Amino acid sequence: MHKKGIENADFDETGYSYTLSLISGKYKPVILYCLMEYEPVRFNEMRRYLKQVADKTLSQNLKELESDELIVRKVYPQIPPKVEYSLTDRGHSLVKVLDKLCDWGNENRK
């Protein structure tokens, strides 16, 4: 079998690189997992789930996931304001990938 050479390879052009660019970081995979399991989720519920995350950090991660069209932010016009987050169809399409990560972790946990 002929192995492709690495000389002209560009990791940034791979699907793997693109996927990582959307879900990498300390909190994004956890946010996606939380929404996969419990959607819809409110900001304070998410903050409690993530434990020691700063509001600014959580807010930034949610904005990035929303910008990448993986989650949707729904604002209810009421006092006090109510905001819920859930996965978009695009975000739901990542569930199979996240499930595989969970399976691997369960099978290989020591």
PDB file of N, CA and C in Angstrom:
ATOM      1  N   MET A   1       0.846  -1.178   0.000  1.00  0.00           N
ATOM      2  CA  MET A   1       0.000   0.000   0.000  1.00  0.00           C
ATOM      3  C   MET A   1       0.890   1.241   0.000  1.00  0.00           C
ATOM      4  N   HIS A   2       0.565   2.180  -0.835  1.00  0.00           N
ATOM      5  CA  HIS A   2       1.343   3.402  -0.954  1.00  0.00           C
ATOM      6  C   HIS A   2       0.847   4.419   0.069  1.00  0.00           C
ATOM      7  N   LYS A   3       1.747   4.916   0.874  1.00  0.00           N
ATOM      8  CA  LYS A   3       1.412   5.908   1.899  1.00  0.00           C
ATOM      9  C   LYS A   3       1.601   7.304   1.317  1.00  0.00           C
ATOM     10  N   LYS A   4       0.626   8.189   1.589  1.00  0.00           N
ATOM     11  CA  LYS A   4       0.730   9.566   1.105  1.00  0.00           C
ATOM     12  C   LYS A   4       1.881  10.260   1.814  1.00  0.00           C
ATOM     13  N   GLY A   5       2.588  11.081   1.077  1.00  0.00           N
ATOM     14  CA  GLY A   5       3.707  11.815   1.651  1.00  0.00           C
ATOM     15  C   GLY A   5       3.226  13.029   2.431  1.00  0.00           C
ATOM     16  N   ILE A   6       3.987  13.365   3.441  1.00  0.00           N
ATOM     17  CA  ILE A   6       3.629  14.502   4.294  1.00  0.00           C
ATOM     18  C   ILE A   6       4.183  15.817   3.744  1.00  0.00           C
ATOM     19  N   GLU A   7       5.037  15.723   2.739  1.00  0.00           N
ATOM     20  CA  GLU A   7       5.719  16.909   2.226  1.00  0.00           C
ATOM     21  C   GLU A   7       4.760  18.030   1.839  1.00  0.00           C
ATOM     22  N   ASN A   8       3.666  17.691   1.180  1.00  0.00           N
ATOM     23  CA  ASN A   8       2.727  18.718   0.715  1.00  0.00           C
ATOM     24  C   ASN A   8       1.440  18.749   1.535  1.00  0.00           C
ATOM     25  N   ALA A   9       1.420  18.018   2.638  1.00  0.00           N
ATOM     26  CA  ALA A   9       0.221  17.957   3.458  1.00  0.00           C
ATOM     27  C   ALA A   9       0.048  19.247   4.261  1.00  0.00           C
ATOM     28  N   ASP A  10      -1.205  19.632   4.465  1.00  0.00           N
ATOM     29  CA  ASP A  10      -1.513  20.828   5.235  1.00  0.00           C
ATOM     30  C   ASP A  10      -2.641  20.484   6.200  1.00  0.00           C
ATOM     31  N   PHE A  11      -2.304  20.319   7.468  1.00  0.00           N
ATOM     32  CA  PHE A  11      -3.291  19.923   8.474  1.00  0.00           C
ATOM     33  C   PHE A  11      -4.464  20.885   8.517  1.00  0.00           C
ATOM     34  N   ASP A  12      -4.199  22.182   8.313  1.00  0.00           N
ATOM     35  CA  ASP A  12      -5.266  23.187   8.372  1.00  0.00           C
ATOM     36  C   ASP A  12      -6.347  22.966   7.317  1.00  0.00           C
ATOM     37  N   GLU A  13      -6.048  22.202   6.294  1.00  0.00           N
ATOM     38  CA  GLU A  13      -7.006  21.947   5.219  1.00  0.00           C
ATOM     39  C   GLU A  13      -7.836  20.691   5.451  1.00  0.00           C
ATOM     40  N   THR A  14      -7.640  20.020   6.584  1.00  0.00           N
ATOM     41  CA  THR A  14      -8.357  18.770   6.834  1.00  0.00           C
ATOM     42  C   THR A  14      -9.688  19.027   7.536  1.00  0.00           C
ATOM     43  N   GLY A  15     -10.608  18.089   7.363  1.00  0.00           N
ATOM     44  CA  GLY A  15     -11.877  18.149   8.076  1.00  0.00           C
ATOM     45  C   GLY A  15     -11.670  18.053   9.576  1.00  0.00           C
ATOM     46  N   TYR A  16     -10.661  17.299   9.983  1.00  0.00           N
ATOM     47  CA  TYR A  16     -10.340  17.145  11.400  1.00  0.00           C
ATOM     48  C   TYR A  16      -9.982  18.495  12.008  1.00  0.00           C
ATOM     49  N   SER A  17      -9.153  19.239  11.308  1.00  0.00           N
ATOM     50  CA  SER A  17      -8.742  20.564  11.774  1.00  0.00           C
ATOM     51  C   SER A  17      -9.944  21.497  11.889  1.00  0.00           C
ATOM     52  N   TYR A  18     -10.825  21.454  10.891  1.00  0.00           N
ATOM     53  CA  TYR A  18     -12.003  22.318  10.903  1.00  0.00           C
ATOM     54  C   TYR A  18     -12.902  21.986  12.097  1.00  0.00           C
ATOM     55  N   THR A  19     -13.144  20.693  12.324  1.00  0.00           N
ATOM     56  CA  THR A  19     -13.983  20.279  13.449  1.00  0.00           C
ATOM     57  C   THR A  19     -13.382  20.736  14.766  1.00  0.00           C
ATOM     58  N   LEU A  20     -12.080  20.532  14.931  1.00  0.00           N
ATOM     59  CA  LEU A  20     -11.413  20.967  16.159  1.00  0.00           C
ATOM     60  C   LEU A  20     -11.519  22.475  16.347  1.00  0.00           C
ATOM     61  N   SER A  21     -11.444  23.228  15.261  1.00  0.00           N
ATOM     62  CA  SER A  21     -11.522  24.683  15.370  1.00  0.00           C
ATOM     63  C   SER A  21     -12.877  25.126  15.923  1.00  0.00           C
ATOM     64  N   LEU A  22     -13.908  24.330  15.701  1.00  0.00           N
ATOM     65  CA  LEU A  22     -15.246  24.675  16.187  1.00  0.00           C
ATOM     66  C   LEU A  22     -15.497  24.225  17.621  1.00  0.00           C
ATOM     67  N   ILE A  23     -14.897  23.097  18.017  1.00  0.00           N
ATOM     68  CA  ILE A  23     -15.249  22.524  19.323  1.00  0.00           C
ATOM     69  C   ILE A  23     -14.093  22.477  20.316  1.00  0.00           C
ATOM     70  N   SER A  24     -12.937  23.000  19.940  1.00  0.00           N
ATOM     71  CA  SER A  24     -11.802  22.900  20.851  1.00  0.00           C
ATOM     72  C   SER A  24     -11.883  23.952  21.947  1.00  0.00           C
ATOM     73  N   GLY A  25     -11.135  23.720  22.982  1.00  0.00           N
ATOM     74  CA  GLY A  25     -11.121  24.613  24.127  1.00  0.00           C
ATOM     75  C   GLY A  25     -11.580  23.870  25.363  1.00  0.00           C
ATOM     76  N   LYS A  26     -11.484  24.541  26.468  1.00  0.00           N
ATOM     77  CA  LYS A  26     -11.811  23.910  27.746  1.00  0.00           C
ATOM     78  C   LYS A  26     -13.317  23.725  27.926  1.00  0.00           C
ATOM     79  N   TYR A  27     -14.119  24.653  27.408  1.00  0.00           N
ATOM     80  CA  TYR A  27     -15.541  24.643  27.717  1.00  0.00           C
ATOM     81  C   TYR A  27     -16.467  24.271  26.565  1.00  0.00           C
ATOM     82  N   LYS A  28     -16.084  24.514  25.329  1.00  0.00           N
ATOM     83  CA  LYS A  28     -17.003  24.263  24.217  1.00  0.00           C
ATOM     84  C   LYS A  28     -17.490  22.811  24.154  1.00  0.00           C
ATOM     85  N   PRO A  29     -16.603  21.820  24.281  1.00  0.00           N
ATOM     86  CA  PRO A  29     -17.121  20.446  24.241  1.00  0.00           C
ATOM     87  C   PRO A  29     -18.083  20.162  25.395  1.00  0.00           C
ATOM     88  N   VAL A  30     -17.821  20.750  26.553  1.00  0.00           N
ATOM     89  CA  VAL A  30     -18.686  20.524  27.713  1.00  0.00           C
ATOM     90  C   VAL A  30     -20.038  21.208  27.510  1.00  0.00           C
ATOM     91  N   ILE A  31     -20.021  22.402  26.940  1.00  0.00           N
ATOM     92  CA  ILE A  31     -21.267  23.107  26.629  1.00  0.00           C
ATOM     93  C   ILE A  31     -22.095  22.282  25.653  1.00  0.00           C
ATOM     94  N   LEU A  32     -21.457  21.785  24.601  1.00  0.00           N
ATOM     95  CA  LEU A  32     -22.172  20.978  23.614  1.00  0.00           C
ATOM     96  C   LEU A  32     -22.720  19.700  24.242  1.00  0.00           C
ATOM     97  N   TYR A  33     -21.924  19.077  25.098  1.00  0.00           N
ATOM     98  CA  TYR A  33     -22.377  17.861  25.778  1.00  0.00           C
ATOM     99  C   TYR A  33     -23.578  18.171  26.675  1.00  0.00           C
ATOM    100  N   CYS A  34     -23.513  19.259  27.404  1.00  0.00           N
ATOM    101  CA  CYS A  34     -24.599  19.670  28.280  1.00  0.00           C
ATOM    102  C   CYS A  34     -25.883  19.875  27.476  1.00  0.00           C
ATOM    103  N   LEU A  35     -25.776  20.574  26.361  1.00  0.00           N
ATOM    104  CA  LEU A  35     -26.951  20.821  25.526  1.00  0.00           C
ATOM    105  C   LEU A  35     -27.462  19.531  24.896  1.00  0.00           C
ATOM    106  N   MET A  36     -26.550  18.645  24.553  1.00  0.00           N
ATOM    107  CA  MET A  36     -26.925  17.356  23.976  1.00  0.00           C
ATOM    108  C   MET A  36     -27.774  16.569  24.986  1.00  0.00           C
ATOM    109  N   GLU A  37     -27.430  16.665  26.255  1.00  0.00           N
ATOM    110  CA  GLU A  37     -28.104  15.894  27.296  1.00  0.00           C
ATOM    111  C   GLU A  37     -29.338  16.585  27.877  1.00  0.00           C
ATOM    112  N   TYR A  38     -29.307  17.928  27.966  1.00  0.00           N
ATOM    113  CA  TYR A  38     -30.321  18.617  28.762  1.00  0.00           C
ATOM    114  C   TYR A  38     -31.050  19.761  28.070  1.00  0.00           C
ATOM    115  N   GLU A  39     -30.855  19.973  26.778  1.00  0.00           N
ATOM    116  CA  GLU A  39     -31.422  21.166  26.153  1.00  0.00           C
ATOM    117  C   GLU A  39     -32.938  21.251  26.322  1.00  0.00           C
ATOM    118  N   PRO A  40     -33.491  22.471  26.383  1.00  0.00           N
ATOM    119  CA  PRO A  40     -32.792  23.752  26.419  1.00  0.00           C
ATOM    120  C   PRO A  40     -32.216  24.029  27.807  1.00  0.00           C
ATOM    121  N   VAL A  41     -31.176  24.844  27.840  1.00  0.00           N
ATOM    122  CA  VAL A  41     -30.492  25.162  29.098  1.00  0.00           C
ATOM    123  C   VAL A  41     -30.347  26.675  29.218  1.00  0.00           C
ATOM    124  N   ARG A  42     -30.616  27.181  30.412  1.00  0.00           N
ATOM    125  CA  ARG A  42     -30.456  28.602  30.670  1.00  0.00           C
ATOM    126  C   ARG A  42     -29.017  28.888  31.099  1.00  0.00           C
ATOM    127  N   PHE A  43     -28.627  30.158  30.999  1.00  0.00           N
ATOM    128  CA  PHE A  43     -27.246  30.567  31.278  1.00  0.00           C
ATOM    129  C   PHE A  43     -26.798  30.120  32.672  1.00  0.00           C
ATOM    130  N   ASN A  44     -27.591  30.414  33.690  1.00  0.00           N
ATOM    131  CA  ASN A  44     -27.197  30.073  35.055  1.00  0.00           C
ATOM    132  C   ASN A  44     -27.130  28.565  35.284  1.00  0.00           C
ATOM    133  N   GLU A  45     -28.001  27.814  34.608  1.00  0.00           N
ATOM    134  CA  GLU A  45     -27.933  26.353  34.697  1.00  0.00           C
ATOM    135  C   GLU A  45     -26.613  25.862  34.100  1.00  0.00           C
ATOM    136  N   MET A  46     -26.244  26.447  32.975  1.00  0.00           N
ATOM    137  CA  MET A  46     -24.997  26.086  32.310  1.00  0.00           C
ATOM    138  C   MET A  46     -23.805  26.427  33.209  1.00  0.00           C
ATOM    139  N   ARG A  47     -23.851  27.588  33.832  1.00  0.00           N
ATOM    140  CA  ARG A  47     -22.761  28.014  34.716  1.00  0.00           C
ATOM    141  C   ARG A  47     -22.598  27.034  35.881  1.00  0.00           C
ATOM    142  N   ARG A  48     -23.706  26.614  36.472  1.00  0.00           N
ATOM    143  CA  ARG A  48     -23.641  25.640  37.571  1.00  0.00           C
ATOM    144  C   ARG A  48     -23.103  24.291  37.076  1.00  0.00           C
ATOM    145  N   TYR A  49     -23.504  23.890  35.880  1.00  0.00           N
ATOM    146  CA  TYR A  49     -23.055  22.623  35.301  1.00  0.00           C
ATOM    147  C   TYR A  49     -21.538  22.630  35.088  1.00  0.00           C
ATOM    148  N   LEU A  50     -21.025  23.762  34.625  1.00  0.00           N
ATOM    149  CA  LEU A  50     -19.595  23.888  34.337  1.00  0.00           C
ATOM    150  C   LEU A  50     -18.764  24.180  35.582  1.00  0.00           C
ATOM    151  N   LYS A  51     -19.417  24.455  36.679  1.00  0.00           N
ATOM    152  CA  LYS A  51     -18.808  24.732  37.980  1.00  0.00           C
ATOM    153  C   LYS A  51     -18.011  26.029  37.997  1.00  0.00           C
ATOM    154  N   GLN A  52     -16.723  26.019  37.819  1.00  0.00           N
ATOM    155  CA  GLN A  52     -15.907  27.212  38.080  1.00  0.00           C
ATOM    156  C   GLN A  52     -15.575  28.009  36.823  1.00  0.00           C
ATOM    157  N   VAL A  53     -16.567  28.266  36.005  1.00  0.00           N
ATOM    158  CA  VAL A  53     -16.341  29.074  34.814  1.00  0.00           C
ATOM    159  C   VAL A  53     -16.775  30.510  35.103  1.00  0.00           C
ATOM    160  N   ALA A  54     -15.981  31.462  34.647  1.00  0.00           N
ATOM    161  CA  ALA A  54     -16.341  32.875  34.792  1.00  0.00           C
ATOM    162  C   ALA A  54     -17.478  33.209  33.829  1.00  0.00           C
ATOM    163  N   ASP A  55     -18.359  34.107  34.244  1.00  0.00           N
ATOM    164  CA  ASP A  55     -19.479  34.508  33.389  1.00  0.00           C
ATOM    165  C   ASP A  55     -18.991  34.987  32.027  1.00  0.00           C
ATOM    166  N   LYS A  56     -17.935  35.787  32.028  1.00  0.00           N
ATOM    167  CA  LYS A  56     -17.395  36.332  30.777  1.00  0.00           C
ATOM    168  C   LYS A  56     -16.906  35.212  29.856  1.00  0.00           C
ATOM    169  N   THR A  57     -16.244  34.221  30.428  1.00  0.00           N
ATOM    170  CA  THR A  57     -15.730  33.095  29.645  1.00  0.00           C
ATOM    171  C   THR A  57     -16.876  32.279  29.066  1.00  0.00           C
ATOM    172  N   LEU A  58     -17.877  31.987  29.885  1.00  0.00           N
ATOM    173  CA  LEU A  58     -19.025  31.224  29.408  1.00  0.00           C
ATOM    174  C   LEU A  58     -19.746  31.994  28.315  1.00  0.00           C
ATOM    175  N   SER A  59     -19.955  33.283  28.549  1.00  0.00           N
ATOM    176  CA  SER A  59     -20.632  34.121  27.569  1.00  0.00           C
ATOM    177  C   SER A  59     -19.886  34.138  26.240  1.00  0.00           C
ATOM    178  N   GLN A  60     -18.571  34.261  26.284  1.00  0.00           N
ATOM    179  CA  GLN A  60     -17.753  34.281  25.069  1.00  0.00           C
ATOM    180  C   GLN A  60     -17.853  32.949  24.316  1.00  0.00           C
ATOM    181  N   ASN A  61     -17.772  31.844  25.044  1.00  0.00           N
ATOM    182  CA  ASN A  61     -17.875  30.528  24.410  1.00  0.00           C
ATOM    183  C   ASN A  61     -19.246  30.313  23.779  1.00  0.00           C
ATOM    184  N   LEU A  62     -20.287  30.741  24.464  1.00  0.00           N
ATOM    185  CA  LEU A  62     -21.635  30.627  23.910  1.00  0.00           C
ATOM    186  C   LEU A  62     -21.781  31.473  22.652  1.00  0.00           C
ATOM    187  N   LYS A  63     -21.220  32.676  22.662  1.00  0.00           N
ATOM    188  CA  LYS A  63     -21.279  33.545  21.480  1.00  0.00           C
ATOM    189  C   LYS A  63     -20.546  32.916  20.302  1.00  0.00           C
ATOM    190  N   GLU A  64     -19.390  32.310  20.565  1.00  0.00           N
ATOM    191  CA  GLU A  64     -18.628  31.665  19.487  1.00  0.00           C
ATOM    192  C   GLU A  64     -19.378  30.465  18.921  1.00  0.00           C
ATOM    193  N   LEU A  65     -19.971  29.656  19.795  1.00  0.00           N
ATOM    194  CA  LEU A  65     -20.744  28.505  19.322  1.00  0.00           C
ATOM    195  C   LEU A  65     -21.970  28.958  18.530  1.00  0.00           C
ATOM    196  N   GLU A  66     -22.559  30.062  18.956  1.00  0.00           N
ATOM    197  CA  GLU A  66     -23.701  30.617  18.227  1.00  0.00           C
ATOM    198  C   GLU A  66     -23.252  31.158  16.867  1.00  0.00           C
ATOM    199  N   SER A  67     -22.119  31.844  16.841  1.00  0.00           N
ATOM    200  CA  SER A  67     -21.568  32.382  15.601  1.00  0.00           C
ATOM    201  C   SER A  67     -21.237  31.269  14.608  1.00  0.00           C
ATOM    202  N   ASP A  68     -20.795  30.118  15.138  1.00  0.00           N
ATOM    203  CA  ASP A  68     -20.473  28.966  14.293  1.00  0.00           C
ATOM    204  C   ASP A  68     -21.708  28.128  13.957  1.00  0.00           C
ATOM    205  N   GLU A  69     -22.873  28.629  14.372  1.00  0.00           N
ATOM    206  CA  GLU A  69     -24.162  28.008  14.072  1.00  0.00           C
ATOM    207  C   GLU A  69     -24.313  26.609  14.647  1.00  0.00           C
ATOM    208  N   LEU A  70     -23.690  26.390  15.814  1.00  0.00           N
ATOM    209  CA  LEU A  70     -23.831  25.103  16.498  1.00  0.00           C
ATOM    210  C   LEU A  70     -24.910  25.169  17.580  1.00  0.00           C
ATOM    211  N   ILE A  71     -25.145  26.366  18.108  1.00  0.00           N
ATOM    212  CA  ILE A  71     -26.202  26.546  19.093  1.00  0.00           C
ATOM    213  C   ILE A  71     -27.049  27.748  18.713  1.00  0.00           C
ATOM    214  N   VAL A  72     -28.227  27.804  19.304  1.00  0.00           N
ATOM    215  CA  VAL A  72     -29.114  28.944  19.089  1.00  0.00           C
ATOM    216  C   VAL A  72     -29.476  29.513  20.463  1.00  0.00           C
ATOM    217  N   ARG A  73     -29.558  30.813  20.508  1.00  0.00           N
ATOM    218  CA  ARG A  73     -29.908  31.551  21.724  1.00  0.00           C
ATOM    219  C   ARG A  73     -31.312  32.101  21.533  1.00  0.00           C
ATOM    220  N   LYS A  74     -32.224  31.677  22.404  1.00  0.00           N
ATOM    221  CA  LYS A  74     -33.603  32.137  22.304  1.00  0.00           C
ATOM    222  C   LYS A  74     -33.906  33.047  23.484  1.00  0.00           C
ATOM    223  N   VAL A  75     -34.314  34.282  23.170  1.00  0.00           N
ATOM    224  CA  VAL A  75     -34.628  35.278  24.187  1.00  0.00           C
ATOM    225  C   VAL A  75     -36.146  35.409  24.269  1.00  0.00           C
ATOM    226  N   TYR A  76     -36.668  35.257  25.480  1.00  0.00           N
ATOM    227  CA  TYR A  76     -38.103  35.422  25.714  1.00  0.00           C
ATOM    228  C   TYR A  76     -38.356  36.850  26.193  1.00  0.00           C
ATOM    229  N   PRO A  77     -39.293  37.556  25.563  1.00  0.00           N
ATOM    230  CA  PRO A  77     -39.564  38.953  25.928  1.00  0.00           C
ATOM    231  C   PRO A  77     -40.395  39.029  27.208  1.00  0.00           C
ATOM    232  N   GLN A  78     -39.719  38.943  28.321  1.00  0.00           N
ATOM    233  CA  GLN A  78     -40.398  39.017  29.612  1.00  0.00           C
ATOM    234  C   GLN A  78     -39.485  39.674  30.628  1.00  0.00           C
ATOM    235  N   ILE A  79     -40.049  40.016  31.757  1.00  0.00           N
ATOM    236  CA  ILE A  79     -39.276  40.628  32.843  1.00  0.00           C
ATOM    237  C   ILE A  79     -39.352  39.681  34.025  1.00  0.00           C
ATOM    238  N   PRO A  80     -38.252  39.210  34.599  1.00  0.00           N
ATOM    239  CA  PRO A  80     -36.877  39.391  34.116  1.00  0.00           C
ATOM    240  C   PRO A  80     -36.646  38.616  32.826  1.00  0.00           C
ATOM    241  N   PRO A  81     -35.640  39.022  32.048  1.00  0.00           N
ATOM    242  CA  PRO A  81     -35.384  38.358  30.772  1.00  0.00           C
ATOM    243  C   PRO A  81     -35.076  36.871  30.973  1.00  0.00           C
ATOM    244  N   LYS A  82     -35.533  36.088  30.034  1.00  0.00           N
ATOM    245  CA  LYS A  82     -35.267  34.645  30.052  1.00  0.00           C
ATOM    246  C   LYS A  82     -34.572  34.292  28.738  1.00  0.00           C
ATOM    247  N   VAL A  83     -33.426  33.624  28.853  1.00  0.00           N
ATOM    248  CA  VAL A  83     -32.653  33.228  27.673  1.00  0.00           C
ATOM    249  C   VAL A  83     -32.356  31.735  27.788  1.00  0.00           C
ATOM    250  N   GLU A  84     -32.594  31.014  26.713  1.00  0.00           N
ATOM    251  CA  GLU A  84     -32.302  29.578  26.675  1.00  0.00           C
ATOM    252  C   GLU A  84     -31.401  29.277  25.483  1.00  0.00           C
ATOM    253  N   TYR A  85     -30.550  28.275  25.675  1.00  0.00           N
ATOM    254  CA  TYR A  85     -29.654  27.822  24.616  1.00  0.00           C
ATOM    255  C   TYR A  85     -30.006  26.390  24.245  1.00  0.00           C
ATOM    256  N   SER A  86     -29.928  26.099  22.963  1.00  0.00           N
ATOM    257  CA  SER A  86     -30.134  24.735  22.489  1.00  0.00           C
ATOM    258  C   SER A  86     -29.305  24.530  21.229  1.00  0.00           C
ATOM    259  N   LEU A  87     -29.196  23.283  20.830  1.00  0.00           N
ATOM    260  CA  LEU A  87     -28.426  22.941  19.638  1.00  0.00           C
ATOM    261  C   LEU A  87     -29.210  23.263  18.378  1.00  0.00           C
ATOM    262  N   THR A  88     -28.514  23.703  17.359  1.00  0.00           N
ATOM    263  CA  THR A  88     -29.107  23.859  16.035  1.00  0.00           C
ATOM    264  C   THR A  88     -29.069  22.486  15.349  1.00  0.00           C
ATOM    265  N   ASP A  89     -29.622  22.400  14.165  1.00  0.00           N
ATOM    266  CA  ASP A  89     -29.515  21.148  13.400  1.00  0.00           C
ATOM    267  C   ASP A  89     -28.045  20.812  13.168  1.00  0.00           C
ATOM    268  N   ARG A  90     -27.262  21.838  12.889  1.00  0.00           N
ATOM    269  CA  ARG A  90     -25.828  21.636  12.684  1.00  0.00           C
ATOM    270  C   ARG A  90     -25.173  21.116  13.966  1.00  0.00           C
ATOM    271  N   GLY A  91     -25.565  21.672  15.102  1.00  0.00           N
ATOM    272  CA  GLY A  91     -25.064  21.207  16.387  1.00  0.00           C
ATOM    273  C   GLY A  91     -25.483  19.777  16.670  1.00  0.00           C
ATOM    274  N   HIS A  92     -26.740  19.460  16.348  1.00  0.00           N
ATOM    275  CA  HIS A  92     -27.220  18.079  16.534  1.00  0.00           C
ATOM    276  C   HIS A  92     -26.431  17.096  15.675  1.00  0.00           C
ATOM    277  N   SER A  93     -25.946  17.559  14.530  1.00  0.00           N
ATOM    278  CA  SER A  93     -25.176  16.662  13.662  1.00  0.00           C
ATOM    279  C   SER A  93     -23.842  16.271  14.297  1.00  0.00           C
ATOM    280  N   LEU A  94     -23.404  17.020  15.309  1.00  0.00           N
ATOM    281  CA  LEU A  94     -22.171  16.698  16.039  1.00  0.00           C
ATOM    282  C   LEU A  94     -22.401  15.650  17.138  1.00  0.00           C
ATOM    283  N   VAL A  95     -23.654  15.366  17.454  1.00  0.00           N
ATOM    284  CA  VAL A  95     -23.970  14.449  18.542  1.00  0.00           C
ATOM    285  C   VAL A  95     -23.326  13.082  18.315  1.00  0.00           C
ATOM    286  N   LYS A  96     -23.338  12.601  17.072  1.00  0.00           N
ATOM    287  CA  LYS A  96     -22.716  11.298  16.791  1.00  0.00           C
ATOM    288  C   LYS A  96     -21.229  11.305  17.131  1.00  0.00           C
ATOM    289  N   VAL A  97     -20.574  12.408  16.840  1.00  0.00           N
ATOM    290  CA  VAL A  97     -19.147  12.540  17.138  1.00  0.00           C
ATOM    291  C   VAL A  97     -18.931  12.570  18.648  1.00  0.00           C
ATOM    292  N   LEU A  98     -19.729  13.373  19.350  1.00  0.00           N
ATOM    293  CA  LEU A  98     -19.608  13.475  20.810  1.00  0.00           C
ATOM    294  C   LEU A  98     -19.939  12.144  21.476  1.00  0.00           C
ATOM    295  N   ASP A  99     -20.945  11.444  20.938  1.00  0.00           N
ATOM    296  CA  ASP A  99     -21.289  10.122  21.473  1.00  0.00           C
ATOM    297  C   ASP A  99     -20.112   9.164  21.361  1.00  0.00           C
ATOM    298  N   LYS A 100     -19.405   9.223  20.253  1.00  0.00           N
ATOM    299  CA  LYS A 100     -18.237   8.345  20.068  1.00  0.00           C
ATOM    300  C   LYS A 100     -17.144   8.679  21.074  1.00  0.00           C
ATOM    301  N   LEU A 101     -16.945   9.962  21.367  1.00  0.00           N
ATOM    302  CA  LEU A 101     -15.976  10.355  22.395  1.00  0.00           C
ATOM    303  C   LEU A 101     -16.388   9.787  23.751  1.00  0.00           C
ATOM    304  N   CYS A 102     -17.696   9.850  24.046  1.00  0.00           N
ATOM    305  CA  CYS A 102     -18.198   9.295  25.312  1.00  0.00           C
ATOM    306  C   CYS A 102     -17.972   7.793  25.356  1.00  0.00           C
ATOM    307  N   ASP A 103     -18.292   7.107  24.262  1.00  0.00           N
ATOM    308  CA  ASP A 103     -18.102   5.645  24.210  1.00  0.00           C
ATOM    309  C   ASP A 103     -16.640   5.290  24.468  1.00  0.00           C
ATOM    310  N   TRP A 104     -15.740   5.995  23.791  1.00  0.00           N
ATOM    311  CA  TRP A 104     -14.313   5.713  23.955  1.00  0.00           C
ATOM    312  C   TRP A 104     -13.894   5.923  25.416  1.00  0.00           C
ATOM    313  N   GLY A 105     -14.355   7.036  26.001  1.00  0.00           N
ATOM    314  CA  GLY A 105     -14.003   7.332  27.382  1.00  0.00           C
ATOM    315  C   GLY A 105     -14.536   6.276  28.355  1.00  0.00           C
ATOM    316  N   ASN A 106     -15.763   5.833  28.126  1.00  0.00           N
ATOM    317  CA  ASN A 106     -16.340   4.800  28.995  1.00  0.00           C
ATOM    318  C   ASN A 106     -15.593   3.467  28.861  1.00  0.00           C
ATOM    319  N   GLU A 107     -15.181   3.148  27.645  1.00  0.00           N
ATOM    320  CA  GLU A 107     -14.481   1.882  27.395  1.00  0.00           C
ATOM    321  C   GLU A 107     -13.048   1.896  27.889  1.00  0.00           C
ATOM    322  N   ASN A 108     -12.437   3.060  27.954  1.00  0.00           N
ATOM    323  CA  ASN A 108     -11.015   3.143  28.285  1.00  0.00           C
ATOM    324  C   ASN A 108     -10.719   3.797  29.624  1.00  0.00           C
ATOM    325  N   ARG A 109     -11.742   4.123  30.366  1.00  0.00           N
ATOM    326  CA  ARG A 109     -11.549   4.720  31.695  1.00  0.00           C
ATOM    327  C   ARG A 109     -10.936   3.705  32.636  1.00  0.00           C
ATOM    328  N   LYS A 110      -9.967   4.153  33.408  1.00  0.00           N
ATOM    329  CA  LYS A 110      -9.293   3.234  34.352  1.00  0.00           C
ATOM    330  C   LYS A 110      -9.842   3.420  35.734  1.00  0.00           C
TER     331      LYS A 110
END
